[in-house]
Amino acid sequence: MKIEDVIDDMQNAAGVGRLFDTYSRAVESYGYDRVLLALLSDHPRLHQSAQHGVLSSYPEDWVEYYLSQGYDEDDPVRMEVKRGLYPFSWKQLLARQVLSKRQQVLFEEAADAHLHDGLGIPLHGPGGTTAGIGVASSCKGVPLDTQALWAIHNLSIQFYACYWRLNEKPSSRTRRIKLTPREAEILRWLASGLTKSEVADRLIISYHTVDFHTRSILQKFKTGSITAAVYFATAQGYIALD
């Protein structure tokens, strides 16, 4: 599986169902056959309220039970996704947090529902919107692979950008963002994988100049993540990647 091919398929998906299927198959190739998208905040431009499991291949009875118990109020995975920027495994989270008895029971019951070796993926969209993706395996024993974790993270950000594109109502779209030529140039180099220091060297400008334009880019896209800005910029045609 080539990530580039999956991204192309997601960008060309004609509907949300097709998009979710494409993303889920890609994630399953890493050993995770359970996927759940949660909107952690209202998404006014999509006319969608915060919702746990807006798209899901988790067991339906587990999702219903989870919500009936109010686990969404104190699930440490949701809490970390809501405030974090970086992907993480459940094992990493459990190693650095002391869980309440109720939270311990939550993880025990998730295991009973055949949800194992989970990952949490924070997502940040326009206008301060937040969402998260949880993936898990119905079988134990998926090894924690750092490269796989970040590959899934990148696929998830692209998935979320495509989810926005497919759901956003034309009447709710704000005016087109205007990037200066310098901002577009810096964003293209950042998208290619260069750091801000490397971009400064490449363009023969100061690091502070690159940082200034980067902060302006993030402000225009209303996100705190350059990775999210890159994916929204490419998905919406602001920049093209070679």
C-alpha atoms as a PDB file:
ATOM      1  CA  MET A   1       0.000   0.000   0.000  1.00  0.00           C
ATOM      2  CA  LYS A   2       1.292   3.424  -0.975  1.00  0.00           C
ATOM      3  CA  ILE A   3       0.103   6.307   1.181  1.00  0.00           C
ATOM      4  CA  GLU A   4       0.074   8.559  -1.891  1.00  0.00           C
ATOM      5  CA  ASP A   5      -2.424   6.246  -3.613  1.00  0.00           C
ATOM      6  CA  VAL A   6      -4.675   6.177  -0.546  1.00  0.00           C
ATOM      7  CA  ILE A   7      -4.615   9.974  -0.358  1.00  0.00           C
ATOM      8  CA  ASP A   8      -5.548  10.204  -4.046  1.00  0.00           C
ATOM      9  CA  ASP A   9      -8.431   7.770  -3.504  1.00  0.00           C
ATOM     10  CA  MET A  10      -9.693   9.757  -0.505  1.00  0.00           C
ATOM     11  CA  GLN A  11      -9.487  13.040  -2.399  1.00  0.00           C
ATOM     12  CA  ASN A  12     -11.464  11.492  -5.255  1.00  0.00           C
ATOM     13  CA  ALA A  13     -14.099   9.890  -3.021  1.00  0.00           C
ATOM     14  CA  ALA A  14     -17.576  10.890  -4.162  1.00  0.00           C
ATOM     15  CA  GLY A  15     -19.186  10.473  -0.758  1.00  0.00           C
ATOM     16  CA  VAL A  16     -18.485  10.144   2.942  1.00  0.00           C
ATOM     17  CA  GLY A  17     -19.172   6.404   2.933  1.00  0.00           C
ATOM     18  CA  ARG A  18     -16.616   5.791   0.219  1.00  0.00           C
ATOM     19  CA  LEU A  19     -14.148   8.059   2.005  1.00  0.00           C
ATOM     20  CA  PHE A  20     -14.552   6.170   5.286  1.00  0.00           C
ATOM     21  CA  ASP A  21     -14.187   2.791   3.570  1.00  0.00           C
ATOM     22  CA  THR A  22     -10.972   3.894   1.848  1.00  0.00           C
ATOM     23  CA  TYR A  23      -9.504   5.238   5.071  1.00  0.00           C
ATOM     24  CA  SER A  24     -10.576   2.176   7.079  1.00  0.00           C
ATOM     25  CA  ARG A  25      -8.972  -0.242   4.612  1.00  0.00           C
ATOM     26  CA  ALA A  26      -5.722   1.716   4.763  1.00  0.00           C
ATOM     27  CA  VAL A  27      -5.687   1.680   8.570  1.00  0.00           C
ATOM     28  CA  GLU A  28      -6.533  -2.022   8.630  1.00  0.00           C
ATOM     29  CA  SER A  29      -3.365  -2.734   6.653  1.00  0.00           C
ATOM     30  CA  TYR A  30      -1.485  -1.680   9.807  1.00  0.00           C
ATOM     31  CA  GLY A  31      -3.466  -4.130  11.947  1.00  0.00           C
ATOM     32  CA  TYR A  32      -6.325  -1.886  13.132  1.00  0.00           C
ATOM     33  CA  ASP A  33      -9.731  -3.092  11.956  1.00  0.00           C
ATOM     34  CA  ARG A  34     -11.843  -0.836  14.195  1.00  0.00           C
ATOM     35  CA  VAL A  35     -12.201   2.887  13.462  1.00  0.00           C
ATOM     36  CA  LEU A  36     -14.295   5.621  15.079  1.00  0.00           C
ATOM     37  CA  LEU A  37     -14.580   9.324  14.233  1.00  0.00           C
ATOM     38  CA  ALA A  38     -15.769  11.611  17.031  1.00  0.00           C
ATOM     39  CA  LEU A  39     -16.596  15.278  16.552  1.00  0.00           C
ATOM     40  CA  LEU A  40     -15.426  16.731  19.861  1.00  0.00           C
ATOM     41  CA  SER A  41     -16.829  20.189  19.171  1.00  0.00           C
ATOM     42  CA  ASP A  42     -19.710  21.518  17.134  1.00  0.00           C
ATOM     43  CA  HIS A  43     -18.877  22.002  13.446  1.00  0.00           C
ATOM     44  CA  PRO A  44     -21.160  24.923  12.485  1.00  0.00           C
ATOM     45  CA  ARG A  45     -19.929  25.174   8.902  1.00  0.00           C
ATOM     46  CA  LEU A  46     -20.824  21.513   8.430  1.00  0.00           C
ATOM     47  CA  HIS A  47     -24.132  21.917  10.305  1.00  0.00           C
ATOM     48  CA  GLN A  48     -23.040  19.061  12.569  1.00  0.00           C
ATOM     49  CA  SER A  49     -23.071  18.986  16.350  1.00  0.00           C
ATOM     50  CA  ALA A  50     -20.482  17.322  18.553  1.00  0.00           C
ATOM     51  CA  GLN A  51     -21.071  13.592  18.318  1.00  0.00           C
ATOM     52  CA  HIS A  52     -19.254  10.443  19.395  1.00  0.00           C
ATOM     53  CA  GLY A  53     -19.097   7.879  16.616  1.00  0.00           C
ATOM     54  CA  VAL A  54     -20.388   9.960  13.722  1.00  0.00           C
ATOM     55  CA  LEU A  55     -18.625   7.334  11.599  1.00  0.00           C
ATOM     56  CA  SER A  56     -17.702   4.039  13.196  1.00  0.00           C
ATOM     57  CA  SER A  57     -16.787   0.411  12.675  1.00  0.00           C
ATOM     58  CA  TYR A  58     -16.602  -0.179  16.433  1.00  0.00           C
ATOM     59  CA  PRO A  59     -19.149  -2.738  17.705  1.00  0.00           C
ATOM     60  CA  GLU A  60     -22.513  -0.951  17.808  1.00  0.00           C
ATOM     61  CA  ASP A  61     -23.471  -2.418  21.165  1.00  0.00           C
ATOM     62  CA  TRP A  62     -20.206  -1.132  22.642  1.00  0.00           C
ATOM     63  CA  VAL A  63     -20.763   2.412  21.359  1.00  0.00           C
ATOM     64  CA  GLU A  64     -24.312   2.410  22.739  1.00  0.00           C
ATOM     65  CA  TYR A  65     -23.141   1.067  26.098  1.00  0.00           C
ATOM     66  CA  TYR A  66     -20.227   3.547  26.219  1.00  0.00           C
ATOM     67  CA  LEU A  67     -22.595   6.487  25.741  1.00  0.00           C
ATOM     68  CA  SER A  68     -25.233   5.112  28.121  1.00  0.00           C
ATOM     69  CA  GLN A  69     -22.582   4.935  30.858  1.00  0.00           C
ATOM     70  CA  GLY A  70     -21.464   8.510  30.203  1.00  0.00           C
ATOM     71  CA  TYR A  71     -17.935   7.346  29.477  1.00  0.00           C
ATOM     72  CA  ASP A  72     -17.522  10.143  26.940  1.00  0.00           C
ATOM     73  CA  GLU A  73     -17.373  12.562  29.894  1.00  0.00           C
ATOM     74  CA  ASP A  74     -14.243  11.100  31.499  1.00  0.00           C
ATOM     75  CA  ASP A  75     -12.619   8.864  28.892  1.00  0.00           C
ATOM     76  CA  PRO A  76      -8.880   9.691  29.151  1.00  0.00           C
ATOM     77  CA  VAL A  77      -8.412   8.960  25.443  1.00  0.00           C
ATOM     78  CA  ARG A  78     -11.005  11.578  24.475  1.00  0.00           C
ATOM     79  CA  MET A  79      -9.499  14.045  26.954  1.00  0.00           C
ATOM     80  CA  GLU A  80      -6.017  13.600  25.496  1.00  0.00           C
ATOM     81  CA  VAL A  81      -7.293  13.839  21.921  1.00  0.00           C
ATOM     82  CA  LYS A  82      -9.176  17.029  22.709  1.00  0.00           C
ATOM     83  CA  ARG A  83      -6.198  18.855  24.199  1.00  0.00           C
ATOM     84  CA  GLY A  84      -3.344  17.256  22.278  1.00  0.00           C
ATOM     85  CA  LEU A  85      -1.650  17.656  18.917  1.00  0.00           C
ATOM     86  CA  TYR A  86       0.171  14.369  18.476  1.00  0.00           C
ATOM     87  CA  PRO A  87      -0.980  10.777  17.960  1.00  0.00           C
ATOM     88  CA  PHE A  88      -0.556   8.344  20.827  1.00  0.00           C
ATOM     89  CA  SER A  89      -1.245   4.761  21.778  1.00  0.00           C
ATOM     90  CA  TRP A  90      -3.438   3.715  24.663  1.00  0.00           C
ATOM     91  CA  LYS A  91      -0.389   2.012  26.162  1.00  0.00           C
ATOM     92  CA  GLN A  92       1.556   5.286  26.100  1.00  0.00           C
ATOM     93  CA  LEU A  93      -1.353   7.096  27.723  1.00  0.00           C
ATOM     94  CA  LEU A  94      -1.739   4.496  30.467  1.00  0.00           C
ATOM     95  CA  ALA A  95       1.980   4.623  31.204  1.00  0.00           C
ATOM     96  CA  ARG A  96       1.911   8.338  31.998  1.00  0.00           C
ATOM     97  CA  GLN A  97      -1.479   8.745  33.689  1.00  0.00           C
ATOM     98  CA  VAL A  98      -2.975   7.489  36.921  1.00  0.00           C
ATOM     99  CA  LEU A  99      -6.489   6.317  36.131  1.00  0.00           C
ATOM    100  CA  SER A 100      -9.504   6.539  38.365  1.00  0.00           C
ATOM    101  CA  LYS A 101     -11.315   3.309  39.199  1.00  0.00           C
ATOM    102  CA  ARG A 102     -14.032   4.216  36.696  1.00  0.00           C
ATOM    103  CA  GLN A 103     -11.462   4.795  33.956  1.00  0.00           C
ATOM    104  CA  GLN A 104      -9.801   1.461  34.728  1.00  0.00           C
ATOM    105  CA  VAL A 105     -13.176  -0.238  34.356  1.00  0.00           C
ATOM    106  CA  LEU A 106     -13.656   1.547  31.015  1.00  0.00           C
ATOM    107  CA  PHE A 107     -10.471   0.030  29.587  1.00  0.00           C
ATOM    108  CA  GLU A 108     -11.315  -3.404  31.008  1.00  0.00           C
ATOM    109  CA  GLU A 109     -14.750  -3.284  29.392  1.00  0.00           C
ATOM    110  CA  ALA A 110     -13.273  -2.064  26.096  1.00  0.00           C
ATOM    111  CA  ALA A 111     -11.017  -5.130  26.103  1.00  0.00           C
ATOM    112  CA  ASP A 112     -14.062  -7.313  26.788  1.00  0.00           C
ATOM    113  CA  ALA A 113     -15.623  -5.714  23.681  1.00  0.00           C
ATOM    114  CA  HIS A 114     -12.549  -6.826  21.699  1.00  0.00           C
ATOM    115  CA  LEU A 115     -10.989  -3.391  21.380  1.00  0.00           C
ATOM    116  CA  HIS A 116      -7.241  -3.744  21.851  1.00  0.00           C
ATOM    117  CA  ASP A 117      -3.981  -1.875  21.188  1.00  0.00           C
ATOM    118  CA  GLY A 118      -5.790   1.371  20.445  1.00  0.00           C
ATOM    119  CA  LEU A 119      -4.487   4.648  19.089  1.00  0.00           C
ATOM    120  CA  GLY A 120      -5.810   8.197  19.531  1.00  0.00           C
ATOM    121  CA  ILE A 121      -5.463  10.751  16.715  1.00  0.00           C
ATOM    122  CA  PRO A 122      -6.179  14.449  17.488  1.00  0.00           C
ATOM    123  CA  LEU A 123      -7.662  16.462  14.613  1.00  0.00           C
ATOM    124  CA  HIS A 124      -8.001  20.238  14.394  1.00  0.00           C
ATOM    125  CA  GLY A 125     -10.062  21.983  11.752  1.00  0.00           C
ATOM    126  CA  PRO A 126     -11.027  25.498  10.654  1.00  0.00           C
ATOM    127  CA  GLY A 127     -12.579  27.847  13.170  1.00  0.00           C
ATOM    128  CA  GLY A 128     -11.147  26.051  16.176  1.00  0.00           C
ATOM    129  CA  THR A 129     -13.116  22.859  15.549  1.00  0.00           C
ATOM    130  CA  THR A 130     -11.762  19.670  17.086  1.00  0.00           C
ATOM    131  CA  ALA A 131     -12.306  16.019  16.320  1.00  0.00           C
ATOM    132  CA  GLY A 132     -10.559  12.764  16.981  1.00  0.00           C
ATOM    133  CA  ILE A 133     -10.149   9.336  15.501  1.00  0.00           C
ATOM    134  CA  GLY A 134      -9.785   6.187  17.545  1.00  0.00           C
ATOM    135  CA  VAL A 135      -8.485   3.003  15.967  1.00  0.00           C
ATOM    136  CA  ALA A 136      -8.179  -0.383  17.609  1.00  0.00           C
ATOM    137  CA  SER A 137      -7.718  -4.051  16.809  1.00  0.00           C
ATOM    138  CA  SER A 138     -10.267  -6.762  17.461  1.00  0.00           C
ATOM    139  CA  CYS A 139      -7.319  -9.083  18.165  1.00  0.00           C
ATOM    140  CA  LYS A 140      -4.528  -8.553  20.664  1.00  0.00           C
ATOM    141  CA  GLY A 141      -0.916  -8.241  19.688  1.00  0.00           C
ATOM    142  CA  VAL A 142      -0.574  -5.335  17.253  1.00  0.00           C
ATOM    143  CA  PRO A 143       2.965  -4.031  17.903  1.00  0.00           C
ATOM    144  CA  LEU A 144       3.445  -0.319  18.510  1.00  0.00           C
ATOM    145  CA  ASP A 145       5.329   0.928  15.464  1.00  0.00           C
ATOM    146  CA  THR A 146       6.321   4.602  15.466  1.00  0.00           C
ATOM    147  CA  GLN A 147       6.378   4.830  11.676  1.00  0.00           C
ATOM    148  CA  ALA A 148       2.929   3.250  11.460  1.00  0.00           C
ATOM    149  CA  LEU A 149       1.625   5.623  14.139  1.00  0.00           C
ATOM    150  CA  TRP A 150       2.716   8.686  12.167  1.00  0.00           C
ATOM    151  CA  ALA A 151       1.550   7.223   8.859  1.00  0.00           C
ATOM    152  CA  ILE A 152      -1.914   6.709  10.349  1.00  0.00           C
ATOM    153  CA  HIS A 153      -1.760  10.232  11.768  1.00  0.00           C
ATOM    154  CA  ASN A 154      -1.048  11.689   8.320  1.00  0.00           C
ATOM    155  CA  LEU A 155      -3.783   9.593   6.700  1.00  0.00           C
ATOM    156  CA  SER A 156      -6.194  10.747   9.417  1.00  0.00           C
ATOM    157  CA  ILE A 157      -5.499  14.421   8.787  1.00  0.00           C
ATOM    158  CA  GLN A 158      -6.092  13.917   5.075  1.00  0.00           C
ATOM    159  CA  PHE A 159      -9.277  11.981   5.850  1.00  0.00           C
ATOM    160  CA  TYR A 160     -10.546  14.839   8.029  1.00  0.00           C
ATOM    161  CA  ALA A 161      -9.784  17.412   5.318  1.00  0.00           C
ATOM    162  CA  CYS A 162     -11.739  15.335   2.804  1.00  0.00           C
ATOM    163  CA  TYR A 163     -14.555  14.880   5.321  1.00  0.00           C
ATOM    164  CA  TRP A 164     -14.797  18.663   5.524  1.00  0.00           C
ATOM    165  CA  ARG A 165     -14.805  19.039   1.747  1.00  0.00           C
ATOM    166  CA  LEU A 166     -17.610  16.535   1.311  1.00  0.00           C
ATOM    167  CA  ASN A 167     -19.782  17.895   4.131  1.00  0.00           C
ATOM    168  CA  GLU A 168     -19.324  21.642   3.969  1.00  0.00           C
ATOM    169  CA  LYS A 169     -22.346  23.491   2.659  1.00  0.00           C
ATOM    170  CA  PRO A 170     -21.623  26.006  -0.119  1.00  0.00           C
ATOM    171  CA  SER A 171     -23.524  28.742   1.713  1.00  0.00           C
ATOM    172  CA  SER A 172     -21.390  28.250   4.836  1.00  0.00           C
ATOM    173  CA  ARG A 173     -18.023  28.586   3.160  1.00  0.00           C
ATOM    174  CA  THR A 174     -16.073  31.627   4.116  1.00  0.00           C
ATOM    175  CA  ARG A 175     -14.301  33.789   1.567  1.00  0.00           C
ATOM    176  CA  ARG A 176     -11.307  32.203  -0.075  1.00  0.00           C
ATOM    177  CA  ILE A 177      -8.106  32.536   1.910  1.00  0.00           C
ATOM    178  CA  LYS A 178      -5.532  34.786   0.289  1.00  0.00           C
ATOM    179  CA  LEU A 179      -1.958  33.620   0.665  1.00  0.00           C
ATOM    180  CA  THR A 180       0.846  35.964  -0.296  1.00  0.00           C
ATOM    181  CA  PRO A 181       3.370  34.585  -2.811  1.00  0.00           C
ATOM    182  CA  ARG A 182       5.911  34.240  -0.002  1.00  0.00           C
ATOM    183  CA  GLU A 183       3.412  32.399   2.241  1.00  0.00           C
ATOM    184  CA  ALA A 184       2.525  30.000  -0.575  1.00  0.00           C
ATOM    185  CA  GLU A 185       6.210  29.390  -1.272  1.00  0.00           C
ATOM    186  CA  ILE A 186       6.996  28.679   2.388  1.00  0.00           C
ATOM    187  CA  LEU A 187       3.935  26.453   2.745  1.00  0.00           C
ATOM    188  CA  ARG A 188       4.998  24.381  -0.280  1.00  0.00           C
ATOM    189  CA  TRP A 189       8.460  23.844   1.203  1.00  0.00           C
ATOM    190  CA  LEU A 190       6.999  22.940   4.599  1.00  0.00           C
ATOM    191  CA  ALA A 191       4.665  20.531   2.825  1.00  0.00           C
ATOM    192  CA  SER A 192       7.681  18.867   1.206  1.00  0.00           C
ATOM    193  CA  GLY A 193       8.960  17.971   4.675  1.00  0.00           C
ATOM    194  CA  LEU A 194      11.484  20.727   5.328  1.00  0.00           C
ATOM    195  CA  THR A 195      11.740  22.289   8.776  1.00  0.00           C
ATOM    196  CA  LYS A 196      11.449  26.044   9.210  1.00  0.00           C
ATOM    197  CA  SER A 197      15.233  26.271   9.577  1.00  0.00           C
ATOM    198  CA  GLU A 198      15.720  24.322   6.355  1.00  0.00           C
ATOM    199  CA  VAL A 199      13.206  26.529   4.544  1.00  0.00           C
ATOM    200  CA  ALA A 200      15.120  29.595   5.723  1.00  0.00           C
ATOM    201  CA  ASP A 201      18.360  28.151   4.348  1.00  0.00           C
ATOM    202  CA  ARG A 202      16.699  27.173   1.082  1.00  0.00           C
ATOM    203  CA  LEU A 203      15.179  30.616   0.493  1.00  0.00           C
ATOM    204  CA  ILE A 204      18.176  32.491   1.931  1.00  0.00           C
ATOM    205  CA  ILE A 205      16.042  34.350   4.455  1.00  0.00           C
ATOM    206  CA  SER A 206      16.087  34.449   8.241  1.00  0.00           C
ATOM    207  CA  TYR A 207      14.431  31.857  10.448  1.00  0.00           C
ATOM    208  CA  HIS A 208      12.377  34.650  12.030  1.00  0.00           C
ATOM    209  CA  THR A 209      10.990  35.599   8.612  1.00  0.00           C
ATOM    210  CA  VAL A 210       9.919  32.011   7.980  1.00  0.00           C
ATOM    211  CA  ASP A 211       8.402  31.799  11.462  1.00  0.00           C
ATOM    212  CA  PHE A 212       6.506  35.064  10.925  1.00  0.00           C
ATOM    213  CA  HIS A 213       4.973  33.836   7.663  1.00  0.00           C
ATOM    214  CA  THR A 214       4.228  30.420   9.162  1.00  0.00           C
ATOM    215  CA  ARG A 215       2.283  31.998  12.021  1.00  0.00           C
ATOM    216  CA  SER A 216       0.377  34.080   9.468  1.00  0.00           C
ATOM    217  CA  ILE A 217      -0.477  30.922   7.511  1.00  0.00           C
ATOM    218  CA  LEU A 218      -1.762  29.173  10.640  1.00  0.00           C
ATOM    219  CA  GLN A 219      -3.859  32.200  11.530  1.00  0.00           C
ATOM    220  CA  LYS A 220      -5.415  32.322   8.067  1.00  0.00           C
ATOM    221  CA  PHE A 221      -6.313  28.634   8.176  1.00  0.00           C
ATOM    222  CA  LYS A 222      -7.454  28.995  11.799  1.00  0.00           C
ATOM    223  CA  THR A 223      -5.417  26.044  13.021  1.00  0.00           C
ATOM    224  CA  GLY A 224      -2.459  25.534  15.329  1.00  0.00           C
ATOM    225  CA  SER A 225      -0.980  22.698  13.281  1.00  0.00           C
ATOM    226  CA  ILE A 226       1.168  23.241  10.200  1.00  0.00           C
ATOM    227  CA  THR A 227       0.385  19.649   9.163  1.00  0.00           C
ATOM    228  CA  ALA A 228      -3.332  20.431   9.189  1.00  0.00           C
ATOM    229  CA  ALA A 229      -2.722  23.671   7.271  1.00  0.00           C
ATOM    230  CA  VAL A 230      -0.778  21.761   4.612  1.00  0.00           C
ATOM    231  CA  TYR A 231      -3.534  19.201   4.148  1.00  0.00           C
ATOM    232  CA  PHE A 232      -6.305  21.792   3.990  1.00  0.00           C
ATOM    233  CA  ALA A 233      -4.229  23.865   1.559  1.00  0.00           C
ATOM    234  CA  THR A 234      -3.621  20.909  -0.763  1.00  0.00           C
ATOM    235  CA  ALA A 235      -7.152  19.512  -0.484  1.00  0.00           C
ATOM    236  CA  GLN A 236      -8.671  22.910  -1.284  1.00  0.00           C
ATOM    237  CA  GLY A 237      -6.242  23.771  -4.065  1.00  0.00           C
ATOM    238  CA  TYR A 238      -4.215  26.545  -2.447  1.00  0.00           C
ATOM    239  CA  ILE A 239      -0.940  24.771  -3.188  1.00  0.00           C
ATOM    240  CA  ALA A 240       0.049  21.844  -5.375  1.00  0.00           C
ATOM    241  CA  LEU A 241       2.602  19.228  -4.387  1.00  0.00           C
ATOM    242  CA  ASP A 242       4.964  17.824  -7.003  1.00  0.00           C
END
